[in-house]
Amino acid sequence: MTPSQRRELAEKAVAQRGVSIALACRTFGVSETCFRYSPKRNVDNDEIADLLLGLVKVKKTWGFGLCFLHMRNVQGHRWNHKLENSVQR
């Protein structure tokens, strides 16, 4: 069983059975941090994805690293390689 499936079971136990989060997490082997985590969508991600798709259509042999370096050094974007914590200056 995958961690995401165990997390879903823990969420159902909390919602439907009124079990405490701590007990549900221990029962299904999920950390409370994992249980409470919800990803945050960054508004820059769509713009970055569009730029990357356009670049790989032109430069079919380039991997992510070369595309990232081109976008950062040639095009002047100041995003970092993680994308979700990007900084534009």
Protein backbone atom coordinates (compact mmCIF):
# COMPACT_ATOMS: atom_id res chain seq x y z
CA MET A 1 0.00 0.00 0.00
CA THR A 2 1.39 3.39 -0.96
CA PRO A 3 1.80 6.25 1.52
CA SER A 4 -0.90 8.25 -0.26
CA GLN A 5 -3.34 5.36 0.13
CA ARG A 6 -2.50 5.09 3.84
CA ARG A 7 -3.03 8.83 4.17
CA GLU A 8 -6.45 8.54 2.53
CA LEU A 9 -7.42 5.79 4.96
CA ALA A 10 -6.31 7.94 7.88
CA GLU A 11 -8.32 10.90 6.53
CA LYS A 12 -11.43 8.70 6.20
CA ALA A 13 -10.99 7.40 9.75
CA VAL A 14 -10.80 10.95 11.09
CA ALA A 15 -13.72 12.23 9.00
CA GLN A 16 -16.09 9.29 9.24
CA ARG A 17 -15.27 7.66 12.57
CA GLY A 18 -14.22 10.68 14.62
CA VAL A 19 -10.85 9.13 15.41
CA SER A 20 -8.14 11.55 16.51
CA ILE A 21 -5.52 12.48 13.95
CA ALA A 22 -2.75 11.09 16.12
CA LEU A 23 -4.47 7.70 16.51
CA ALA A 24 -5.33 7.47 12.80
CA CYS A 25 -1.76 8.29 11.83
CA ARG A 26 -0.32 5.68 14.19
CA THR A 27 -2.83 3.08 13.02
CA PHE A 28 -2.12 3.54 9.32
CA GLY A 29 1.61 4.29 9.63
CA VAL A 30 1.44 7.89 8.41
CA SER A 31 3.29 10.79 9.99
CA GLU A 32 1.15 13.67 11.21
CA THR A 33 3.20 15.97 9.00
CA CYS A 34 2.25 13.89 5.96
CA PHE A 35 -1.39 13.84 7.09
CA ARG A 36 -1.56 17.63 7.40
CA TYR A 37 0.48 18.47 4.29
CA SER A 38 -1.25 20.17 1.38
CA PRO A 39 0.82 21.38 -1.57
CA LYS A 40 0.73 25.07 -2.41
CA ARG A 41 0.46 25.99 -6.06
CA ASN A 42 2.76 28.79 -7.15
CA VAL A 43 1.38 31.16 -9.78
CA ASP A 44 4.76 31.19 -11.55
CA ASN A 45 4.57 27.45 -12.31
CA ASP A 46 2.23 27.89 -15.29
CA GLU A 47 4.44 30.56 -16.82
CA ILE A 48 7.55 28.45 -16.27
CA ALA A 49 5.87 25.38 -17.77
CA ASP A 50 4.83 27.35 -20.87
CA LEU A 51 8.37 28.70 -21.33
CA LEU A 52 9.88 25.23 -20.90
CA LEU A 53 7.46 23.67 -23.39
CA GLY A 54 8.23 26.36 -25.95
CA LEU A 55 11.96 25.92 -25.44
CA VAL A 56 11.92 22.11 -25.79
CA LYS A 57 9.88 22.38 -29.00
CA VAL A 58 12.73 24.43 -30.47
CA LYS A 59 15.63 22.58 -28.80
CA LYS A 60 14.48 18.94 -28.89
CA THR A 61 17.80 17.51 -27.68
CA TRP A 62 18.08 19.69 -24.57
CA GLY A 63 17.36 18.23 -21.14
CA PHE A 64 15.95 20.10 -18.16
CA GLY A 65 19.38 21.24 -16.93
CA LEU A 66 20.32 22.91 -20.19
CA CYS A 67 16.86 24.46 -20.54
CA PHE A 68 17.09 25.79 -16.97
CA LEU A 69 20.53 27.29 -17.58
CA HIS A 70 19.37 28.87 -20.85
CA MET A 71 16.29 30.39 -19.20
CA ARG A 72 18.34 31.67 -16.28
CA ASN A 73 21.52 32.86 -18.00
CA VAL A 74 20.39 33.82 -21.51
CA GLN A 75 16.76 34.83 -21.01
CA GLY A 76 17.44 36.41 -17.60
CA HIS A 77 14.80 34.67 -15.48
CA ARG A 78 15.85 34.44 -11.84
CA TRP A 79 13.93 31.31 -10.88
CA ASN A 80 15.73 28.60 -8.98
CA HIS A 81 15.80 24.94 -10.09
CA LYS A 82 13.07 23.90 -7.63
CA LEU A 83 10.48 26.11 -9.35
CA GLU A 84 8.06 26.18 -6.39
CA ASN A 85 10.34 28.59 -4.47
CA SER A 86 11.15 30.77 -7.44
CA VAL A 87 12.30 34.33 -7.04
CA GLN A 88 11.86 36.87 -9.82
CA ARG A 89 13.90 40.06 -9.65
